[in-house]
Amino acid sequence: LAVGACSSDACDSIDLPFAYNHLFQDRFFVLPTFAVLFPSSLLDQLLAVEGLVFDPALLLHGEQYLRLFRPLPTNAKVVNCARISGLRDKGKAAIVDVETVSFDRESGDRLAVNRSSIVLRGAGGFSKAATAAHAAAPAASMKPAPPQPAAGASIRRQAARPPPEVATEERIPPNQALLYRLCGDLNPLHSDPEFAATAGYSRPILHGLCTLGFAARAVLRTCCKGDPSLFHSVQVRFTGHVFPGETLVTRTWTAVSVPASSAAEEDLGTAGGGGMVEGPLRRVSFECWIAERNKMVLAGWMQLHGSSDGASCDGSFDSSQSSPKARL
């Protein structure tokens, strides 16, 4: 519910198994992006890091990567192992990279890996190289560039991109940020009008990870009829803010095959060892735009289990469903 399931149609046959278990004992699922909540205490942990001084009101989520090693269980106790994997000085901002590996406490099985890039505006300038570069650069408004993804995982919008294969529209309810807050992300930027004003926003904005949840639902719906077992991984860059009440348009492009060896290399060096990849993968690229402002707010890709041969994201889910709207 916190990422919009059944928000337009309480009887939606694709969304309902994620929100109601009484009629779906054999089909009660967890959305893959639920795992981004595992490191929900990230802000508090960053505030506790000695020597890392920043204003929480100026914190932005730059990028997010999530990899699942198996479909998420509907009931489990999770143990997280987190580390700061990188710290970059961008002059007027610092970028902190945090990796969190999550395990099932009872079985010891690895469930997920999260990699988060956090932009701390106003916290840069602590290295000599960045200070020198900043002094030589022309004056400009503080607008930190989003962090670059890891090698082999670049998210760059092509200059002459073809029209999307399918686009879905979904209105974000005005109270969506308050619903998502109940999942454990208590940052007042998303609920307190006065706090949001100090960060430069006219009103509280939606959590970036909530926008990711909406996008992931749209991609799963159009590419595999909502089947969460086909999810492998997702990586996104947050490029703009979203206000609750706006209309989110998710544009999806044709899937391409990804060698299993390339996908496995993404998790080499991760605590707990690299994940095993079974069978081929297909990668779907997508973007999220705000219809009212014609502004892109998120771009990324999702990898799904199965070959892309003969597969496409054509919105071929049950046409009787009214949520969300699909446009070819």
Protein backbone atom coordinates (compact mmCIF):
# COMPACT_ATOMS: atom_id res chain seq x y z
CA LEU A 1 0.00 0.00 0.00
CA ALA A 2 2.91 2.36 0.73
CA VAL A 3 4.02 2.18 -2.91
CA GLY A 4 0.56 2.50 -4.45
CA ALA A 5 -0.69 -1.08 -4.69
CA CYS A 6 -4.47 -1.06 -5.24
CA SER A 7 -4.56 2.74 -4.85
CA SER A 8 -6.79 3.14 -7.95
CA ASP A 9 -8.57 -0.21 -7.87
CA ALA A 10 -8.93 -2.19 -4.64
CA CYS A 11 -9.82 -5.29 -6.69
CA ASP A 12 -6.81 -5.13 -9.04
CA SER A 13 -5.87 -8.80 -9.61
CA ILE A 14 -2.15 -8.02 -10.08
CA ASP A 15 -1.73 -5.74 -7.05
CA LEU A 16 -4.08 -7.50 -4.62
CA PRO A 17 -1.82 -10.53 -3.91
CA PHE A 18 0.76 -8.04 -2.57
CA ALA A 19 -1.72 -6.44 -0.19
CA TYR A 20 -4.22 -9.11 0.92
CA ASN A 21 -3.55 -12.69 1.88
CA HIS A 22 -6.94 -14.18 2.79
CA LEU A 23 -7.95 -15.18 -0.74
CA PHE A 24 -4.41 -15.77 -1.96
CA GLN A 25 -2.86 -18.29 0.42
CA ASP A 26 -0.77 -19.69 -2.43
CA ARG A 27 -0.30 -16.30 -4.11
CA PHE A 28 0.60 -13.89 -1.29
CA PHE A 29 3.78 -12.11 -2.36
CA VAL A 30 6.24 -9.46 -1.24
CA LEU A 31 7.20 -6.75 -3.71
CA PRO A 32 10.93 -7.06 -4.47
CA THR A 33 11.57 -3.40 -3.62
CA PHE A 34 10.40 -4.03 -0.05
CA ALA A 35 14.04 -4.99 0.51
CA VAL A 36 15.19 -1.36 0.14
CA LEU A 37 13.64 -0.86 3.59
CA PHE A 38 16.10 -3.25 5.25
CA PRO A 39 18.67 -0.47 5.81
CA SER A 40 15.93 1.92 7.03
CA SER A 41 18.13 3.25 9.88
CA LEU A 42 20.71 4.54 7.38
CA LEU A 43 20.21 8.23 8.24
CA ASP A 44 20.64 7.64 11.96
CA GLN A 45 23.74 5.55 11.30
CA LEU A 46 25.29 8.26 9.10
CA LEU A 47 24.62 10.89 11.78
CA ALA A 48 26.52 8.69 14.24
CA VAL A 49 29.66 8.40 12.05
CA GLU A 50 32.47 10.27 13.76
CA GLY A 51 33.79 13.16 11.67
CA LEU A 52 30.92 13.06 9.14
CA VAL A 53 29.18 16.40 9.69
CA PHE A 54 26.17 17.36 7.55
CA ASP A 55 22.73 18.96 7.71
CA PRO A 56 20.03 16.24 7.44
CA ALA A 57 17.73 18.77 5.75
CA LEU A 58 20.15 18.94 2.81
CA LEU A 59 20.50 15.18 2.32
CA LEU A 60 19.46 13.75 -1.05
CA HIS A 61 19.27 10.17 -2.29
CA GLY A 62 21.46 9.99 -5.41
CA GLU A 63 21.32 6.36 -6.54
CA GLN A 64 20.03 3.00 -5.39
CA TYR A 65 20.96 -0.55 -6.40
CA LEU A 66 19.09 -3.63 -5.16
CA ARG A 67 19.85 -7.28 -5.87
CA LEU A 68 17.72 -10.16 -4.57
CA PHE A 69 19.11 -13.68 -4.30
CA ARG A 70 15.70 -15.29 -3.91
CA PRO A 71 12.09 -14.06 -3.72
CA LEU A 72 11.48 -12.36 -0.39
CA PRO A 73 9.64 -14.45 2.21
CA THR A 74 6.41 -13.14 3.71
CA ASN A 75 7.75 -13.76 7.23
CA ALA A 76 11.38 -13.55 8.35
CA LYS A 77 13.81 -11.94 10.77
CA VAL A 78 16.56 -10.08 8.93
CA VAL A 79 20.12 -9.31 9.97
CA ASN A 80 21.91 -6.47 8.16
CA CYS A 81 25.66 -5.98 7.71
CA ALA A 82 26.42 -2.45 6.48
CA ARG A 83 29.61 -0.62 5.57
CA ILE A 84 30.62 2.70 4.03
CA SER A 85 32.08 1.60 0.71
CA GLY A 86 33.00 5.03 -0.63
CA LEU A 87 33.30 8.73 0.19
CA ARG A 88 33.63 11.32 -2.58
CA ASP A 89 34.27 15.04 -2.29
CA LYS A 90 32.37 17.03 -4.93
CA GLY A 91 33.35 20.46 -3.65
CA LYS A 92 29.97 21.76 -2.46
CA ALA A 93 28.69 18.28 -1.62
CA ALA A 94 29.94 14.94 -0.35
CA ILE A 95 28.71 11.60 -1.66
CA VAL A 96 28.64 8.64 0.71
CA ASP A 97 28.28 5.13 -0.72
CA VAL A 98 26.80 2.58 1.66
CA GLU A 99 26.49 -1.17 1.04
CA THR A 100 24.09 -3.28 3.10
CA VAL A 101 23.94 -7.08 2.88
CA SER A 102 20.84 -8.67 4.43
CA PHE A 103 20.55 -12.25 5.71
CA ASP A 104 17.73 -14.44 6.96
CA ARG A 105 18.61 -14.79 10.65
CA GLU A 106 17.21 -18.30 11.00
CA SER A 107 18.68 -19.94 7.90
CA GLY A 108 21.69 -17.68 7.38
CA ASP A 109 20.79 -17.38 3.69
CA ARG A 110 21.63 -14.13 1.98
CA LEU A 111 18.48 -12.31 0.89
CA ALA A 112 19.54 -9.02 -0.64
CA VAL A 113 22.25 -6.46 -1.31
CA ASN A 114 21.49 -2.73 -1.24
CA ARG A 115 23.93 -0.10 -2.45
CA SER A 116 22.94 3.50 -1.72
CA SER A 117 24.64 6.71 -2.86
CA ILE A 118 23.74 9.59 -0.56
CA VAL A 119 24.40 13.23 -1.54
CA LEU A 120 25.20 15.45 1.46
CA ARG A 121 24.81 19.01 0.21
CA GLY A 122 27.07 21.48 1.96
CA ALA A 123 29.38 18.76 3.32
CA GLY A 124 32.05 18.83 0.60
CA GLY A 125 35.35 20.64 0.36
CA PHE A 126 37.20 18.44 2.82
CA SER A 127 39.90 17.26 0.39
CA LYS A 128 42.68 19.37 -1.11
CA ALA A 129 41.94 18.21 -4.66
CA ALA A 130 38.26 19.15 -4.43
CA THR A 131 39.10 22.51 -2.80
CA ALA A 132 41.55 23.38 -5.57
CA ALA A 133 39.12 22.32 -8.30
CA HIS A 134 36.33 24.34 -6.70
CA ALA A 135 38.51 27.45 -6.45
CA ALA A 136 39.37 27.21 -10.14
CA ALA A 137 35.80 26.61 -11.28
CA PRO A 138 33.41 29.49 -12.14
CA ALA A 139 30.79 30.35 -9.57
CA ALA A 140 27.52 28.45 -9.92
CA SER A 141 24.44 27.72 -7.89
CA MET A 142 24.68 24.74 -5.57
CA LYS A 143 23.31 21.91 -7.67
CA PRO A 144 25.31 18.75 -6.90
CA ALA A 145 25.73 16.41 -9.84
CA PRO A 146 24.26 12.95 -9.20
CA PRO A 147 26.89 10.30 -8.44
CA GLN A 148 28.26 8.13 -11.21
CA PRO A 149 27.24 4.44 -11.07
CA ALA A 150 29.78 1.69 -10.73
CA ALA A 151 31.67 0.53 -13.81
CA GLY A 152 29.48 -1.60 -16.03
CA ALA A 153 26.27 -0.20 -14.56
CA SER A 154 26.07 3.19 -16.27
CA ILE A 155 22.69 4.90 -16.46
CA ARG A 156 22.99 7.52 -19.18
CA ARG A 157 20.01 8.74 -21.15
CA GLN A 158 20.71 8.42 -24.85
CA ALA A 159 20.51 11.64 -26.85
CA ALA A 160 18.25 10.13 -29.55
CA ARG A 161 16.27 7.55 -27.62
CA PRO A 162 13.36 5.92 -29.46
CA PRO A 163 9.82 6.32 -28.12
CA PRO A 164 9.06 4.03 -25.17
CA GLU A 165 7.54 0.66 -25.90
CA VAL A 166 4.91 1.31 -23.25
CA ALA A 167 4.13 4.04 -20.73
CA THR A 168 2.00 3.71 -17.62
CA GLU A 169 0.38 6.61 -15.78
CA GLU A 170 -0.44 6.50 -12.09
CA ARG A 171 -1.55 9.35 -9.87
CA ILE A 172 0.26 9.45 -6.55
CA PRO A 173 -2.27 9.98 -3.72
CA PRO A 174 -1.75 13.21 -1.75
CA ASN A 175 -1.10 11.25 1.47
CA GLN A 176 1.35 8.77 -0.10
CA ALA A 177 4.43 10.10 1.73
CA LEU A 178 2.64 9.73 5.07
CA LEU A 179 1.81 6.12 4.19
CA TYR A 180 5.41 5.37 3.18
CA ARG A 181 6.63 6.96 6.42
CA LEU A 182 4.94 4.10 8.29
CA CYS A 183 7.48 1.73 6.71
CA GLY A 184 10.20 3.25 8.91
CA ASP A 185 11.64 6.16 6.92
CA LEU A 186 10.89 8.98 9.36
CA ASN A 187 12.83 11.76 7.61
CA PRO A 188 10.69 14.87 8.26
CA LEU A 189 11.49 16.13 4.75
CA HIS A 190 8.58 13.93 3.64
CA SER A 191 6.03 14.91 6.28
CA ASP A 192 6.87 18.25 7.96
CA PRO A 193 6.03 21.39 5.87
CA GLU A 194 8.37 23.60 7.93
CA PHE A 195 11.26 21.17 7.62
CA ALA A 196 10.65 20.86 3.86
CA ALA A 197 10.73 24.66 3.56
CA THR A 198 14.18 24.80 5.17
CA ALA A 199 15.36 22.38 2.47
CA GLY A 200 13.99 24.63 -0.27
CA TYR A 201 10.71 22.86 -1.11
CA SER A 202 7.24 24.38 -1.12
CA ARG A 203 5.84 21.31 0.64
CA PRO A 204 7.00 17.83 1.73
CA ILE A 205 8.27 15.66 -1.11
CA LEU A 206 7.82 11.96 -1.76
CA HIS A 207 10.52 9.54 -0.63
CA GLY A 208 12.79 8.61 -3.54
CA LEU A 209 12.46 4.96 -2.60
CA CYS A 210 8.68 5.30 -2.75
CA THR A 211 9.02 6.58 -6.32
CA LEU A 212 11.22 3.55 -7.00
CA GLY A 213 8.47 1.30 -5.61
CA PHE A 214 5.89 2.81 -7.98
CA ALA A 215 8.28 2.40 -10.93
CA ALA A 216 9.13 -1.20 -10.05
CA ARG A 217 5.43 -2.12 -9.82
CA ALA A 218 4.86 -0.58 -13.26
CA VAL A 219 7.79 -2.43 -14.85
CA LEU A 220 6.86 -5.78 -13.29
CA ARG A 221 3.26 -5.30 -14.44
CA THR A 222 4.12 -4.50 -18.05
CA CYS A 223 7.00 -6.95 -18.47
CA CYS A 224 5.98 -10.03 -16.47
CA LYS A 225 2.38 -9.52 -15.35
CA GLY A 226 3.49 -8.69 -11.82
CA ASP A 227 5.40 -11.94 -11.15
CA PRO A 228 7.97 -11.02 -8.43
CA SER A 229 9.87 -14.30 -8.84
CA LEU A 230 11.28 -13.00 -12.14
CA PHE A 231 12.97 -10.03 -10.45
CA HIS A 232 16.77 -10.12 -10.27
CA SER A 233 18.02 -6.57 -9.64
CA VAL A 234 17.35 -2.89 -10.20
CA GLN A 235 19.48 0.23 -10.33
CA VAL A 236 18.17 3.79 -10.47
CA ARG A 237 19.40 7.36 -10.36
CA PHE A 238 17.14 9.93 -8.74
CA THR A 239 17.12 13.04 -10.94
CA GLY A 240 14.35 15.15 -9.41
CA HIS A 241 11.79 15.41 -6.63
CA VAL A 242 8.16 14.27 -6.66
CA PHE A 243 5.28 15.94 -4.86
CA PRO A 244 2.45 13.71 -3.60
CA GLY A 245 -0.63 14.30 -5.74
CA GLU A 246 1.30 14.42 -9.02
CA THR A 247 1.00 11.95 -11.89
CA LEU A 248 3.93 9.58 -12.41
CA VAL A 249 4.54 8.34 -15.96
CA THR A 250 6.82 5.28 -16.21
CA ARG A 251 8.28 4.82 -19.70
CA THR A 252 9.70 1.39 -20.51
CA TRP A 253 11.99 0.25 -23.33
CA THR A 254 12.52 -3.15 -24.95
CA ALA A 255 14.40 -5.72 -22.90
CA VAL A 256 17.91 -6.76 -23.95
CA SER A 257 19.79 -9.91 -22.99
CA VAL A 258 22.47 -9.70 -20.30
CA PRO A 259 25.17 -12.39 -20.02
CA ALA A 260 24.91 -14.26 -16.74
CA SER A 261 28.63 -13.72 -16.16
CA SER A 262 28.20 -9.93 -16.31
CA ALA A 263 25.41 -10.02 -13.75
CA ALA A 264 27.51 -12.17 -11.42
CA GLU A 265 30.42 -9.74 -11.66
CA GLU A 266 28.25 -6.97 -10.23
CA ASP A 267 28.34 -8.67 -6.84
CA LEU A 268 31.97 -9.75 -6.71
CA GLY A 269 33.59 -8.45 -3.58
CA THR A 270 30.27 -8.09 -1.77
CA ALA A 271 30.29 -9.29 1.81
CA GLY A 272 29.08 -12.85 1.91
CA GLY A 273 30.36 -13.79 -1.52
CA GLY A 274 29.03 -13.37 -5.02
CA GLY A 275 25.54 -14.53 -5.86
CA MET A 276 24.84 -17.45 -8.13
CA VAL A 277 23.02 -16.55 -11.33
CA GLU A 278 20.78 -19.24 -12.75
CA GLY A 279 20.00 -18.91 -16.44
CA PRO A 280 19.89 -15.85 -18.70
CA LEU A 281 18.72 -12.38 -17.72
CA ARG A 282 17.00 -9.61 -19.63
CA ARG A 283 17.47 -5.95 -18.86
CA VAL A 284 14.64 -3.43 -19.16
CA SER A 285 15.42 0.29 -19.10
CA PHE A 286 12.89 2.79 -17.80
CA GLU A 287 12.37 6.41 -16.86
CA CYS A 288 9.84 8.15 -14.62
CA TRP A 289 8.43 11.56 -15.51
CA ILE A 290 6.02 13.92 -13.78
CA ALA A 291 3.19 14.61 -16.23
CA GLU A 292 2.22 17.99 -14.77
CA ARG A 293 5.77 19.40 -14.95
CA ASN A 294 7.17 17.31 -17.86
CA LYS A 295 10.15 16.57 -15.61
CA MET A 296 12.19 13.36 -15.41
CA VAL A 297 12.63 12.30 -11.79
CA LEU A 298 14.14 8.82 -12.05
CA ALA A 299 16.04 6.73 -14.61
CA GLY A 300 17.38 3.20 -14.44
CA TRP A 301 17.11 -0.43 -15.40
CA MET A 302 15.68 -3.65 -14.03
CA GLN A 303 17.06 -7.13 -14.70
CA LEU A 304 14.60 -10.00 -14.92
CA HIS A 305 15.20 -13.73 -15.02
CA GLY A 306 14.67 -15.24 -18.46
CA SER A 307 15.91 -14.57 -21.97
CA SER A 308 14.72 -11.51 -23.88
CA ASP A 309 14.31 -13.65 -27.04
CA GLY A 310 10.77 -13.04 -28.18
CA ALA A 311 9.98 -11.05 -25.03
CA SER A 312 8.89 -7.45 -24.84
CA CYS A 313 7.36 -5.03 -22.37
CA ASP A 314 4.15 -4.29 -24.21
CA GLY A 315 1.70 -3.73 -21.40
CA SER A 316 0.02 -7.03 -22.24
CA PHE A 317 -1.51 -7.49 -18.80
CA ASP A 318 -5.22 -8.14 -18.36
CA SER A 319 -6.96 -5.33 -20.26
CA SER A 320 -9.80 -5.35 -17.74
CA GLN A 321 -7.49 -3.82 -15.15
CA SER A 322 -7.98 -0.10 -14.69
CA SER A 323 -4.86 0.62 -12.65
CA PRO A 324 -2.49 1.85 -13.82
CA LYS A 325 -3.33 3.13 -17.31
CA ALA A 326 -1.10 1.84 -20.11
CA ARG A 327 -0.43 3.66 -23.35
CA LEU A 328 1.24 2.11 -26.39
